[in-house]
C-alpha cells in the first residue's frame, strides 16, 4: 500500500512543474500534455483506491 500513499506527493510535484512552466512562458502544447498526464495519473489513483475500498468491503 506504500505506493498509493506516495501518490499525492507525485501530484504535488507535477503541479509544481506545471506552475514553473507557466512562469517560464512554456509553449502551450507542452503545458496541456502535462495537465492531461496529471489528470490521467489522478484518475488512475482514484480508481485504484476505490477498487481496494470496494474489495475490503466485500471481504
N, C-alpha and C. Protein backbone atom coordinates (compact mmCIF):
# COMPACT_ATOMS: atom_id res chain seq x y z
N UNK A 1 0.82 -1.22 0.00
CA UNK A 1 0.00 0.00 0.00
C UNK A 1 0.86 1.27 0.00
N UNK A 2 2.17 1.15 0.15
CA UNK A 2 3.03 2.32 0.27
C UNK A 2 3.01 3.17 -1.00
N UNK A 3 2.95 2.54 -2.18
CA UNK A 3 2.98 3.31 -3.42
C UNK A 3 1.73 4.18 -3.57
N UNK A 4 0.61 3.75 -2.99
CA UNK A 4 -0.60 4.57 -3.06
C UNK A 4 -0.47 5.80 -2.16
N UNK A 5 0.22 5.64 -1.03
CA UNK A 5 0.43 6.77 -0.14
C UNK A 5 1.35 7.82 -0.76
N UNK A 6 2.24 7.39 -1.67
CA UNK A 6 3.16 8.33 -2.32
C UNK A 6 2.49 9.12 -3.44
N UNK A 7 1.31 8.68 -3.86
CA UNK A 7 0.64 9.31 -5.00
C UNK A 7 0.40 10.82 -4.82
N UNK A 8 -0.11 11.28 -3.67
CA UNK A 8 -0.33 12.72 -3.54
C UNK A 8 0.94 13.54 -3.72
N UNK A 9 2.09 13.02 -3.29
CA UNK A 9 3.36 13.73 -3.46
C UNK A 9 3.70 13.88 -4.94
N UNK A 10 3.47 12.84 -5.73
CA UNK A 10 3.77 12.93 -7.17
C UNK A 10 2.86 13.96 -7.83
N UNK A 11 1.61 14.02 -7.36
CA UNK A 11 0.67 15.02 -7.91
C UNK A 11 1.16 16.43 -7.58
N UNK A 12 1.62 16.63 -6.32
CA UNK A 12 2.15 17.94 -5.93
C UNK A 12 3.35 18.33 -6.78
N UNK A 13 4.24 17.36 -7.03
CA UNK A 13 5.43 17.62 -7.85
C UNK A 13 5.00 18.02 -9.26
N UNK A 14 4.03 17.29 -9.83
CA UNK A 14 3.53 17.61 -11.17
C UNK A 14 2.96 19.03 -11.21
N UNK A 15 2.20 19.40 -10.18
CA UNK A 15 1.61 20.74 -10.13
C UNK A 15 2.70 21.80 -10.08
N UNK A 16 3.78 21.51 -9.34
CA UNK A 16 4.89 22.46 -9.27
C UNK A 16 5.55 22.61 -10.64
N UNK A 17 5.71 21.49 -11.35
CA UNK A 17 6.31 21.53 -12.70
C UNK A 17 5.45 22.38 -13.62
N UNK A 18 4.13 22.19 -13.54
CA UNK A 18 3.21 22.95 -14.39
C UNK A 18 3.28 24.44 -14.04
N UNK A 19 3.31 24.76 -12.74
CA UNK A 19 3.40 26.16 -12.31
C UNK A 19 4.70 26.80 -12.81
N UNK A 20 5.81 26.06 -12.70
CA UNK A 20 7.10 26.57 -13.19
C UNK A 20 7.04 26.80 -14.70
N UNK A 21 6.42 25.87 -15.42
CA UNK A 21 6.28 26.01 -16.87
C UNK A 21 5.50 27.26 -17.24
N UNK A 22 4.45 27.54 -16.48
CA UNK A 22 3.64 28.75 -16.74
C UNK A 22 4.47 30.00 -16.49
N UNK A 23 5.24 30.00 -15.39
CA UNK A 23 6.05 31.17 -15.05
C UNK A 23 7.12 31.43 -16.12
N UNK A 24 7.64 30.35 -16.70
CA UNK A 24 8.70 30.49 -17.72
C UNK A 24 8.12 30.64 -19.12
N UNK A 25 6.80 30.85 -19.22
CA UNK A 25 6.10 31.03 -20.51
C UNK A 25 6.38 29.83 -21.43
N UNK A 26 6.16 28.67 -20.89
CA UNK A 26 6.36 27.44 -21.66
C UNK A 26 5.33 27.34 -22.79
N UNK A 27 5.70 26.74 -23.93
CA UNK A 27 4.72 26.56 -25.01
C UNK A 27 3.44 25.85 -24.53
N UNK A 28 2.31 26.29 -25.05
CA UNK A 28 1.00 25.82 -24.57
C UNK A 28 0.85 24.31 -24.74
N UNK A 29 1.30 23.75 -25.84
CA UNK A 29 1.09 22.31 -26.08
C UNK A 29 1.80 21.47 -25.03
N UNK A 30 2.98 21.90 -24.59
CA UNK A 30 3.69 21.15 -23.54
C UNK A 30 2.93 21.23 -22.23
N UNK A 31 2.40 22.41 -21.94
CA UNK A 31 1.62 22.62 -20.72
C UNK A 31 0.40 21.70 -20.72
N UNK A 32 -0.31 21.63 -21.85
CA UNK A 32 -1.52 20.80 -21.90
C UNK A 32 -1.20 19.31 -21.80
N UNK A 33 -0.09 18.87 -22.39
CA UNK A 33 0.25 17.45 -22.26
C UNK A 33 0.54 17.11 -20.80
N UNK A 34 1.17 18.04 -20.07
CA UNK A 34 1.43 17.82 -18.64
C UNK A 34 0.14 17.74 -17.86
N UNK A 35 -0.81 18.63 -18.17
CA UNK A 35 -2.11 18.62 -17.49
C UNK A 35 -2.83 17.31 -17.75
N UNK A 36 -2.83 16.86 -19.01
CA UNK A 36 -3.50 15.62 -19.38
C UNK A 36 -2.88 14.44 -18.63
N UNK A 37 -1.53 14.40 -18.58
CA UNK A 37 -0.85 13.34 -17.85
C UNK A 37 -1.24 13.37 -16.37
N UNK A 38 -1.30 14.57 -15.80
CA UNK A 38 -1.67 14.74 -14.39
C UNK A 38 -3.07 14.20 -14.14
N UNK A 39 -4.00 14.53 -15.04
CA UNK A 39 -5.39 14.08 -14.90
C UNK A 39 -5.46 12.56 -14.97
N UNK A 40 -4.72 11.96 -15.92
CA UNK A 40 -4.73 10.50 -16.08
C UNK A 40 -4.19 9.84 -14.81
N UNK A 41 -3.08 10.36 -14.28
CA UNK A 41 -2.50 9.81 -13.05
C UNK A 41 -3.50 9.91 -11.90
N UNK A 42 -4.13 11.07 -11.78
CA UNK A 42 -5.10 11.28 -10.69
C UNK A 42 -6.27 10.30 -10.82
N UNK A 43 -6.79 10.12 -12.03
CA UNK A 43 -7.91 9.20 -12.24
C UNK A 43 -7.51 7.76 -11.93
N UNK A 44 -6.29 7.37 -12.35
CA UNK A 44 -5.81 6.03 -12.05
C UNK A 44 -5.73 5.80 -10.55
N UNK A 45 -5.20 6.79 -9.81
CA UNK A 45 -5.09 6.66 -8.36
C UNK A 45 -6.46 6.54 -7.72
N UNK A 46 -7.42 7.33 -8.19
CA UNK A 46 -8.78 7.28 -7.64
C UNK A 46 -9.39 5.91 -7.91
N UNK A 47 -9.23 5.40 -9.13
CA UNK A 47 -9.79 4.10 -9.50
C UNK A 47 -9.18 3.00 -8.62
N UNK A 48 -7.86 3.02 -8.44
CA UNK A 48 -7.18 2.01 -7.64
C UNK A 48 -7.70 2.06 -6.20
N UNK A 49 -7.80 3.26 -5.64
CA UNK A 49 -8.25 3.40 -4.25
C UNK A 49 -9.68 2.92 -4.08
N UNK A 50 -10.57 3.27 -5.04
CA UNK A 50 -11.97 2.86 -4.91
C UNK A 50 -12.09 1.35 -5.07
N UNK A 51 -11.30 0.74 -5.96
CA UNK A 51 -11.34 -0.70 -6.13
C UNK A 51 -10.91 -1.40 -4.84
N UNK A 52 -9.84 -0.89 -4.22
CA UNK A 52 -9.37 -1.51 -2.98
C UNK A 52 -10.40 -1.35 -1.88
N UNK A 53 -11.06 -0.19 -1.79
CA UNK A 53 -12.05 0.02 -0.74
C UNK A 53 -13.25 -0.91 -0.97
N UNK A 54 -13.65 -1.09 -2.24
CA UNK A 54 -14.75 -2.00 -2.54
C UNK A 54 -14.38 -3.44 -2.19
N UNK A 55 -13.14 -3.85 -2.53
CA UNK A 55 -12.69 -5.20 -2.20
C UNK A 55 -12.70 -5.43 -0.68
N UNK A 56 -12.25 -4.42 0.07
CA UNK A 56 -12.18 -4.58 1.52
C UNK A 56 -13.58 -4.66 2.12
N UNK A 57 -14.57 -4.00 1.49
CA UNK A 57 -15.95 -4.07 1.98
C UNK A 57 -16.49 -5.49 1.79
N UNK A 58 -16.21 -6.09 0.64
CA UNK A 58 -16.79 -7.39 0.34
C UNK A 58 -16.08 -8.55 1.01
N UNK A 59 -14.87 -8.33 1.55
CA UNK A 59 -14.14 -9.43 2.18
C UNK A 59 -14.72 -9.75 3.54
